[in-house]
Amino acid sequence: MARLVYATICSLDGYVNDAQGEFDWAQPDEQLHDHFTDLARTIGTYLYGRRMHETMVVWEDLYGTPVLPPHLRTFAEAWVASDKVVYSGTLDEPGIPRARIEREFDAVDVRHLKDRADRDLGIGGPTLAAHALTAGLVDEIQLAVVPAIVGAGTRALPDGLRLDLELLEHRTFPQGSVLLRYAVR
């Protein structure tokens, strides 16, 4: 059975974007980006909501761009090689290869996907991740906390959720970010 990993970058006060929906304050340094590349190499399928899909689809366009720095090209290669399931009630087509649309999140379907997968699954976007966390489907949480306080926005973790966690790893990065990796007990 594959694991479902929720990995995100967030502010010190726990937001993935600010009140205006911006996340320019969250740009990872090269070493943190390399961590996410290493993670992407283990992911066979990503689960995304529409907004996260629209944010990440740029990697399809960047894939193969000759002027892309090597650390970004490596991430693009890993990301393009994975399958994507996009949960959206408004998109008709995902617009990229290796992706499909599902109209709504179904915990039973995701559990079956985990049971059948030979590689881990990643879930992106806090709204979709909240559904998976609440359903008890997430096996690992990775928060890359950046040195910024943004005051409001979209929370990385849902309010009202209670989980017991086991620390697997913590690392610091040159720009002051801290990676916290937890297993969900």
Protein backbone atom coordinates (compact mmCIF):
# COMPACT_ATOMS: atom_id res chain seq x y z
CA MET A 1 0.00 0.00 0.00
CA ALA A 2 1.29 3.44 -0.93
CA ARG A 3 1.46 6.38 1.44
CA LEU A 4 -0.43 9.64 0.92
CA VAL A 5 1.89 12.60 1.60
CA TYR A 6 0.71 16.16 2.16
CA ALA A 7 3.65 18.52 1.60
CA THR A 8 3.34 22.29 1.51
CA ILE A 9 5.18 25.52 2.11
CA CYS A 10 3.61 27.79 4.71
CA SER A 11 4.27 30.93 6.70
CA LEU A 12 5.26 30.80 10.35
CA ASP A 13 1.64 31.61 11.23
CA GLY A 14 0.42 28.65 9.15
CA TYR A 15 -0.81 30.10 5.85
CA VAL A 16 -0.04 28.85 2.33
CA ASN A 17 -0.97 32.20 0.82
CA ASP A 18 -1.79 35.65 2.15
CA ALA A 19 -5.13 37.47 2.30
CA GLN A 20 -4.75 38.48 -1.38
CA GLY A 21 -4.01 34.88 -2.43
CA GLU A 22 -0.34 35.66 -3.07
CA PHE A 23 2.54 33.37 -2.10
CA ASP A 24 5.58 35.20 -3.51
CA TRP A 25 6.97 35.29 0.05
CA ALA A 26 7.18 31.49 -0.05
CA GLN A 27 9.78 31.01 -2.79
CA PRO A 28 12.03 28.12 -1.69
CA ASP A 29 15.80 28.37 -1.88
CA GLU A 30 17.62 25.84 -4.06
CA GLN A 31 18.19 23.34 -1.24
CA LEU A 32 14.54 23.35 -0.16
CA HIS A 33 13.51 23.03 -3.80
CA ASP A 34 15.85 20.01 -4.03
CA HIS A 35 13.98 18.45 -1.09
CA PHE A 36 10.70 18.79 -2.98
CA THR A 37 12.38 17.33 -6.08
CA ASP A 38 13.49 14.29 -4.08
CA LEU A 39 9.92 13.92 -2.82
CA ALA A 40 8.51 14.30 -6.36
CA ARG A 41 10.67 11.39 -7.52
CA THR A 42 8.80 9.12 -5.07
CA ILE A 43 5.30 10.25 -6.09
CA GLY A 44 3.43 8.24 -8.70
CA THR A 45 0.20 10.23 -8.54
CA TYR A 46 -0.65 13.73 -7.35
CA LEU A 47 -4.12 14.65 -6.12
CA TYR A 48 -4.94 18.32 -6.71
CA GLY A 49 -7.83 20.70 -6.40
CA ARG A 50 -8.42 23.05 -9.31
CA ARG A 51 -6.44 25.99 -7.92
CA MET A 52 -3.38 23.87 -7.07
CA HIS A 53 -3.56 22.20 -10.48
CA GLU A 54 -3.62 25.62 -12.15
CA THR A 55 -0.60 26.65 -10.07
CA MET A 56 1.41 23.49 -10.79
CA VAL A 57 0.59 23.06 -14.49
CA VAL A 58 3.33 25.59 -15.30
CA TRP A 59 5.83 22.74 -14.77
CA GLU A 60 4.43 21.05 -17.88
CA ASP A 61 5.28 24.19 -19.88
CA LEU A 62 8.70 24.56 -18.26
CA TYR A 63 9.62 20.92 -18.87
CA GLY A 64 12.34 20.80 -21.49
CA THR A 65 13.00 24.54 -21.45
CA PRO A 66 16.73 24.80 -22.18
CA VAL A 67 17.27 27.93 -20.05
CA LEU A 68 15.72 26.40 -16.93
CA PRO A 69 18.26 26.05 -14.09
CA PRO A 70 19.21 22.40 -13.47
CA HIS A 71 17.48 22.14 -10.06
CA LEU A 72 14.20 23.38 -11.59
CA ARG A 73 14.56 21.17 -14.67
CA THR A 74 15.00 18.12 -12.43
CA PHE A 75 11.80 18.96 -10.54
CA ALA A 76 9.91 19.52 -13.80
CA GLU A 77 11.04 16.12 -15.09
CA ALA A 78 9.85 14.34 -11.93
CA TRP A 79 6.55 16.23 -11.87
CA VAL A 80 5.75 15.61 -15.55
CA ALA A 81 6.44 11.87 -15.08
CA SER A 82 3.70 11.52 -12.45
CA ASP A 83 -0.03 11.04 -12.93
CA LYS A 84 -2.45 13.71 -11.69
CA VAL A 85 -6.02 13.53 -10.47
CA VAL A 86 -7.67 16.95 -10.49
CA TYR A 87 -10.80 17.44 -8.37
CA SER A 88 -12.91 20.12 -10.00
CA GLY A 89 -16.54 20.83 -10.62
CA THR A 90 -15.69 23.44 -13.25
CA LEU A 91 -12.82 22.11 -15.40
CA ASP A 92 -13.80 19.95 -18.36
CA GLU A 93 -10.25 18.94 -19.29
CA PRO A 94 -7.02 19.03 -17.27
CA GLY A 95 -5.10 20.48 -20.21
CA ILE A 96 -2.03 18.28 -19.75
CA PRO A 97 -1.14 14.64 -20.41
CA ARG A 98 -1.25 12.08 -17.60
CA ALA A 99 -4.08 13.89 -15.83
CA ARG A 100 -7.78 13.27 -15.35
CA ILE A 101 -10.69 15.17 -13.81
CA GLU A 102 -12.82 13.88 -10.94
CA ARG A 103 -15.87 15.92 -10.01
CA GLU A 104 -15.62 15.44 -6.25
CA PHE A 105 -13.31 14.01 -3.63
CA ASP A 106 -14.33 10.49 -2.61
CA ALA A 107 -12.43 9.07 0.36
CA VAL A 108 -13.28 5.48 -0.58
CA ASP A 109 -11.88 5.96 -4.09
CA VAL A 110 -8.70 7.53 -2.71
CA ARG A 111 -8.28 4.65 -0.24
CA HIS A 112 -8.58 2.19 -3.17
CA LEU A 113 -6.06 4.24 -5.15
CA LYS A 114 -3.62 4.04 -2.22
CA ASP A 115 -4.19 0.28 -1.89
CA ARG A 116 -3.46 -0.32 -5.59
CA ALA A 117 -0.55 2.10 -6.03
CA ASP A 118 3.04 0.89 -6.16
CA ARG A 119 4.38 4.43 -5.59
CA ASP A 120 3.38 7.05 -3.04
CA LEU A 121 0.69 9.62 -3.68
CA GLY A 122 1.00 13.33 -3.03
CA ILE A 123 -1.86 15.65 -2.21
CA GLY A 124 -1.54 19.33 -2.95
CA GLY A 125 -3.63 22.24 -1.84
CA PRO A 126 -4.90 22.82 1.68
CA THR A 127 -8.60 22.57 0.84
CA LEU A 128 -8.30 19.15 -0.77
CA ALA A 129 -5.77 18.04 1.87
CA ALA A 130 -8.30 18.98 4.59
CA HIS A 131 -10.73 16.43 3.14
CA ALA A 132 -8.04 13.74 3.10
CA LEU A 133 -6.79 14.62 6.59
CA THR A 134 -10.31 14.55 8.01
CA ALA A 135 -10.96 11.18 6.33
CA GLY A 136 -7.81 9.72 7.90
CA LEU A 137 -6.11 9.13 4.55
CA VAL A 138 -2.91 11.16 5.00
CA ASP A 139 0.09 9.16 6.19
CA GLU A 140 2.69 11.91 6.27
CA ILE A 141 2.66 15.70 6.61
CA GLN A 142 5.58 17.81 5.47
CA LEU A 143 5.48 21.50 6.32
CA ALA A 144 8.21 23.76 5.01
CA VAL A 145 7.81 26.78 7.29
CA VAL A 146 9.26 29.97 5.81
CA PRO A 147 10.40 32.96 7.88
CA ALA A 148 7.37 35.13 7.17
CA ILE A 149 4.20 36.04 9.05
CA VAL A 150 1.40 37.00 6.66
CA GLY A 151 -1.50 37.48 9.10
CA ALA A 152 -4.29 35.92 7.03
CA GLY A 153 -4.97 33.75 4.00
CA THR A 154 -5.58 30.06 3.45
CA ARG A 155 -4.53 27.87 6.36
CA ALA A 156 -2.15 25.00 5.65
CA LEU A 157 -4.01 22.79 8.13
CA PRO A 158 -7.76 22.83 8.77
CA ASP A 159 -9.26 24.18 11.95
CA GLY A 160 -10.84 21.60 14.24
CA LEU A 161 -8.58 18.73 13.16
CA ARG A 162 -6.98 16.60 15.87
CA LEU A 163 -4.12 14.26 14.89
CA ASP A 164 -1.32 12.60 16.80
CA LEU A 165 1.97 12.88 14.94
CA GLU A 166 5.45 11.39 15.15
CA LEU A 167 8.39 13.58 14.14
CA LEU A 168 10.36 11.92 11.34
CA GLU A 169 12.70 14.73 10.37
CA HIS A 170 13.47 18.39 10.87
CA ARG A 171 15.91 20.41 8.81
CA THR A 172 16.83 24.03 8.36
CA PHE A 173 17.65 25.67 5.04
CA PRO A 174 19.85 28.66 4.13
CA GLN A 175 17.03 31.20 3.76
CA GLY A 176 15.78 30.31 7.25
CA SER A 177 13.03 27.86 6.31
CA VAL A 178 12.46 24.81 8.50
CA LEU A 179 11.18 21.49 7.18
CA LEU A 180 9.01 19.52 9.62
CA ARG A 181 8.19 15.94 8.54
CA TYR A 182 5.63 14.00 10.55
CA ALA A 183 4.04 10.58 10.30
CA VAL A 184 0.37 10.50 11.17
CA ARG A 185 -0.17 7.92 13.91
